[in-house]
């Protein structure tokens, strides 16, 4: 049984508690690293910074959606332009046609109804770093791994393949996880994983099911990520147009 709203709430809470930090983002872009989410006291939002300092401000100055997503994806050091431009697909799914009605995920059949595996398309060749060119750092890889886990994807392998490229293999065996993987990937690309000096131009995203089938392969460019972030294209449209099986 899918419980996307409950899952998102639990993951957000776990992410904030696991690292002991909640990122409070104001509508003017200012960010505070707090020990926990603010509470309302006498009409004011009250929270405590990591150094123990207490902050009290008008709750209207806080952008709650941006605060939640920044905290969940662990991007407290990022300069956020529009964090809620691409909210997790789990909240949009009830209004969108089911992915299963538009694209059939390539899954292995069960014993009662065996299905032959779909032909494997030519693999997308990952970018190989030139001699003397440093690959993206481990801090960028860790941000991707943490972000995937924060949206419910716990089986993953992320490898830097160049100075601006990554390869991510994840297990996404249902519609919510497929869209969450696309959302997290595009979000991190646009904000360069919140790592100063990093630049991410391409992510080779390979998604599979727990039974070994393919649930979508993409070569996401920065242009793709920016289009998703600005909602110039929906996640569903991106899947249909860009999927490589």
Protein backbone atom coordinates (compact mmCIF):
# COMPACT_ATOMS: atom_id res chain seq x y z
CA UNK A 1 0.00 0.00 0.00
CA UNK A 2 1.45 3.40 -0.98
CA UNK A 3 1.52 6.05 1.70
CA UNK A 4 3.42 8.89 -0.03
CA UNK A 5 2.30 11.67 2.29
CA UNK A 6 3.17 9.70 5.43
CA UNK A 7 6.48 8.61 3.87
CA UNK A 8 7.42 12.19 2.99
CA UNK A 9 6.63 13.39 6.50
CA UNK A 10 8.58 10.59 8.14
CA UNK A 11 11.60 11.04 5.85
CA UNK A 12 11.62 14.77 6.49
CA UNK A 13 11.54 14.20 10.24
CA UNK A 14 14.24 11.54 10.10
CA UNK A 15 16.49 13.72 7.96
CA UNK A 16 16.19 16.63 10.37
CA UNK A 17 16.74 14.48 13.47
CA UNK A 18 19.55 12.36 12.03
CA UNK A 19 21.85 15.35 11.51
CA UNK A 20 20.50 17.50 14.35
CA UNK A 21 19.94 20.45 12.00
CA UNK A 22 16.80 22.08 10.62
CA UNK A 23 17.35 24.72 7.92
CA UNK A 24 15.03 27.71 8.36
CA UNK A 25 14.72 29.57 5.03
CA UNK A 26 13.24 33.07 4.98
CA UNK A 27 11.35 34.48 2.02
CA UNK A 28 14.24 36.89 1.32
CA UNK A 29 16.64 33.92 0.93
CA UNK A 30 18.30 34.13 4.36
CA UNK A 31 19.02 30.73 5.94
CA UNK A 32 19.51 29.72 9.57
CA UNK A 33 20.83 26.38 10.84
CA UNK A 34 18.58 25.61 13.79
CA UNK A 35 18.62 22.73 16.25
CA UNK A 36 14.97 21.97 15.44
CA UNK A 37 11.98 23.38 13.60
CA UNK A 38 10.53 26.60 14.96
CA UNK A 39 7.62 26.77 17.41
CA UNK A 40 5.02 29.52 17.64
CA UNK A 41 5.16 31.43 20.94
CA UNK A 42 2.95 34.50 21.46
CA UNK A 43 2.48 34.83 17.70
CA UNK A 44 6.22 34.69 16.95
CA UNK A 45 8.28 31.88 15.40
CA UNK A 46 10.93 30.84 17.92
CA UNK A 47 13.92 28.57 17.17
CA UNK A 48 17.42 28.00 18.53
CA UNK A 49 20.57 28.14 16.41
CA UNK A 50 23.34 25.54 16.64
CA UNK A 51 25.38 27.88 18.82
CA UNK A 52 22.50 28.20 21.30
CA UNK A 53 21.31 31.65 20.23
CA UNK A 54 17.52 32.05 20.26
CA UNK A 55 15.88 33.69 17.24
CA UNK A 56 12.36 35.13 17.29
CA UNK A 57 10.79 36.41 14.07
CA UNK A 58 7.43 36.93 12.39
CA UNK A 59 6.27 33.52 11.02
CA UNK A 60 5.18 35.26 7.81
CA UNK A 61 8.85 35.85 6.99
CA UNK A 62 9.52 32.08 6.89
CA UNK A 63 9.14 30.10 3.67
CA UNK A 64 8.04 26.79 5.16
CA UNK A 65 8.03 24.80 1.88
CA UNK A 66 11.59 25.85 1.07
CA UNK A 67 12.68 25.15 4.65
CA UNK A 68 11.27 21.61 4.52
CA UNK A 69 12.85 20.71 1.18
CA UNK A 70 16.22 22.28 1.97
CA UNK A 71 16.37 20.34 5.25
CA UNK A 72 15.17 17.09 3.66
CA UNK A 73 17.76 17.13 0.87
CA UNK A 74 20.57 18.29 3.15
CA UNK A 75 21.36 21.44 1.15
CA UNK A 76 21.77 23.89 3.99
CA UNK A 77 24.86 25.44 2.39
CA UNK A 78 23.20 25.94 -1.02
CA UNK A 79 22.07 29.27 -2.33
CA UNK A 80 18.45 28.43 -3.03
CA UNK A 81 16.59 30.21 -5.81
CA UNK A 82 13.29 28.32 -5.86
CA UNK A 83 13.27 25.21 -3.72
CA UNK A 84 9.61 24.32 -4.13
CA UNK A 85 9.59 24.61 -7.92
CA UNK A 86 9.64 20.84 -8.23
CA UNK A 87 7.90 19.33 -5.23
CA UNK A 88 7.98 15.52 -4.81
CA UNK A 89 5.75 13.79 -7.34
CA UNK A 90 3.97 11.86 -4.60
CA UNK A 91 1.89 14.99 -3.90
CA UNK A 92 1.08 15.47 -7.58
CA UNK A 93 0.32 11.86 -8.46
CA UNK A 94 -3.44 11.96 -7.63
CA UNK A 95 -3.94 14.73 -10.22
CA UNK A 96 -1.74 13.14 -12.90
CA UNK A 97 -2.48 10.13 -15.09
CA UNK A 98 -0.84 7.01 -13.74
CA UNK A 99 2.59 6.35 -15.13
CA UNK A 100 1.54 2.75 -15.60
CA UNK A 101 -1.16 3.88 -18.06
CA UNK A 102 1.37 5.76 -20.17
CA UNK A 103 4.63 3.83 -19.85
CA UNK A 104 4.81 0.19 -18.78
CA UNK A 105 7.73 -0.45 -16.47
CA UNK A 106 9.92 -3.30 -17.66
CA UNK A 107 9.53 -5.84 -14.86
CA UNK A 108 10.10 -9.57 -14.59
CA UNK A 109 6.89 -11.60 -14.46
CA UNK A 110 5.98 -13.83 -11.57
CA UNK A 111 5.91 -17.63 -11.72
CA UNK A 112 2.19 -17.72 -12.53
CA UNK A 113 2.52 -15.28 -15.40
CA UNK A 114 6.10 -15.27 -16.69
CA UNK A 115 7.14 -12.46 -18.99
CA UNK A 116 10.20 -12.45 -21.19
CA UNK A 117 12.66 -9.71 -20.30
CA UNK A 118 12.48 -6.68 -22.56
CA UNK A 119 15.38 -6.26 -25.02
CA UNK A 120 18.12 -4.18 -23.54
CA UNK A 121 18.76 -0.92 -25.36
CA UNK A 122 22.33 0.20 -26.00
CA UNK A 123 23.79 1.59 -22.80
CA UNK A 124 24.32 5.30 -22.45
CA UNK A 125 28.06 5.73 -22.46
CA UNK A 126 29.11 7.66 -19.34
CA UNK A 127 31.52 10.51 -19.73
CA UNK A 128 35.05 9.39 -18.89
CA UNK A 129 37.27 12.06 -17.34
CA UNK A 130 40.22 13.13 -19.47
CA UNK A 131 43.71 12.49 -18.19
CA UNK A 132 44.57 15.06 -15.57
CA UNK A 133 40.92 16.05 -15.04
CA UNK A 134 39.68 15.57 -11.49
CA UNK A 135 36.29 13.92 -10.97
CA UNK A 136 33.59 15.41 -8.77
CA UNK A 137 34.41 15.02 -5.09
CA UNK A 138 33.08 12.54 -2.56
CA UNK A 139 31.06 15.33 -0.91
CA UNK A 140 28.94 15.65 -4.07
CA UNK A 141 28.45 11.88 -4.27
CA UNK A 142 27.40 11.75 -0.62
CA UNK A 143 24.86 14.54 -1.15
CA UNK A 144 23.25 12.53 -3.97
CA UNK A 145 23.20 9.36 -1.88
CA UNK A 146 21.66 11.17 1.08
CA UNK A 147 19.04 12.88 -1.10
CA UNK A 148 17.95 9.56 -2.66
CA UNK A 149 17.57 8.03 0.80
CA UNK A 150 15.58 11.04 1.99
CA UNK A 151 12.99 10.37 -0.73
CA UNK A 152 12.75 6.65 0.04
CA UNK A 153 15.34 5.18 -2.34
CA UNK A 154 17.76 3.11 -0.26
CA UNK A 155 19.36 0.95 -2.96
CA UNK A 156 21.69 3.17 -4.96
CA UNK A 157 25.17 3.48 -6.37
CA UNK A 158 26.51 6.91 -7.28
CA UNK A 159 29.87 7.32 -9.04
CA UNK A 160 31.61 10.46 -10.29
CA UNK A 161 32.58 9.88 -13.92
CA UNK A 162 34.13 13.25 -14.66
CA UNK A 163 34.67 16.78 -13.42
CA UNK A 164 31.03 17.67 -14.12
CA UNK A 165 29.33 14.27 -14.58
CA UNK A 166 27.87 11.52 -12.44
CA UNK A 167 26.41 8.06 -12.91
CA UNK A 168 23.57 7.03 -10.57
CA UNK A 169 22.05 3.55 -10.41
CA UNK A 170 18.95 3.32 -8.19
CA UNK A 171 16.21 0.83 -7.43
CA UNK A 172 12.84 2.46 -8.13
CA UNK A 173 10.13 -0.16 -8.42
CA UNK A 174 7.02 2.03 -8.33
CA UNK A 175 5.75 5.26 -9.83
CA UNK A 176 6.41 7.39 -6.76
CA UNK A 177 10.05 6.33 -6.51
CA UNK A 178 10.62 6.86 -10.24
CA UNK A 179 9.37 10.44 -10.02
CA UNK A 180 11.14 11.05 -6.70
CA UNK A 181 14.43 9.93 -8.28
CA UNK A 182 13.90 12.33 -11.20
CA UNK A 183 12.93 15.15 -8.82
CA UNK A 184 15.90 14.66 -6.48
CA UNK A 185 18.36 14.36 -9.39
CA UNK A 186 17.19 17.51 -11.16
CA UNK A 187 17.05 19.48 -7.89
CA UNK A 188 20.62 18.57 -6.95
CA UNK A 189 21.89 19.31 -10.46
CA UNK A 190 20.38 22.81 -10.52
CA UNK A 191 21.92 23.59 -7.11
CA UNK A 192 25.18 21.68 -7.74
CA UNK A 193 24.40 19.52 -4.69
CA UNK A 194 24.94 22.54 -2.45
CA UNK A 195 28.72 22.09 -2.71
CA UNK A 196 30.75 25.25 -3.25
CA UNK A 197 32.80 25.11 -6.44
CA UNK A 198 31.01 22.04 -7.84
CA UNK A 199 29.36 22.07 -11.26
CA UNK A 200 27.12 19.21 -12.45
CA UNK A 201 26.31 19.18 -16.15
CA UNK A 202 25.14 15.60 -16.77
CA UNK A 203 23.82 12.69 -14.69
CA UNK A 204 23.39 9.25 -16.25
CA UNK A 205 20.40 7.96 -14.26
CA UNK A 206 19.68 4.22 -14.39
CA UNK A 207 16.55 2.98 -12.59
CA UNK A 208 15.63 -0.65 -12.08
CA UNK A 209 13.02 -2.71 -10.23
CA UNK A 210 13.71 -5.10 -7.38
CA UNK A 211 12.95 -7.99 -9.75
CA UNK A 212 15.65 -6.95 -12.20
CA UNK A 213 13.61 -5.11 -14.82
CA UNK A 214 14.27 -1.61 -16.09
CA UNK A 215 12.12 1.23 -14.77
CA UNK A 216 13.79 3.91 -16.87
CA UNK A 217 17.18 5.15 -18.03
CA UNK A 218 17.97 8.81 -18.60
CA UNK A 219 20.88 11.03 -19.50
CA UNK A 220 19.77 14.15 -17.65
CA UNK A 221 21.47 17.34 -18.80
CA UNK A 222 21.59 20.65 -16.96
CA UNK A 223 19.05 22.00 -19.45
CA UNK A 224 16.70 19.12 -18.55
CA UNK A 225 17.17 19.76 -14.84
CA UNK A 226 16.50 23.48 -15.19
CA UNK A 227 13.36 22.82 -17.25
CA UNK A 228 12.06 20.48 -14.52
CA UNK A 229 12.98 22.96 -11.79
CA UNK A 230 11.16 25.81 -13.57
CA UNK A 231 8.20 23.52 -14.41
CA UNK A 232 8.69 24.15 -18.12
CA UNK A 233 8.16 20.39 -18.36
CA UNK A 234 6.44 18.07 -15.89
CA UNK A 235 8.09 14.94 -14.55
CA UNK A 236 5.55 12.84 -16.46
CA UNK A 237 6.34 14.63 -19.74
CA UNK A 238 10.05 14.32 -19.10
CA UNK A 239 9.68 10.57 -18.52
CA UNK A 240 7.76 10.04 -21.76
CA UNK A 241 10.07 12.21 -23.89
CA UNK A 242 13.46 11.26 -22.46
CA UNK A 243 13.22 7.68 -21.20
CA UNK A 244 15.70 5.21 -22.69
CA UNK A 245 14.80 1.53 -22.15
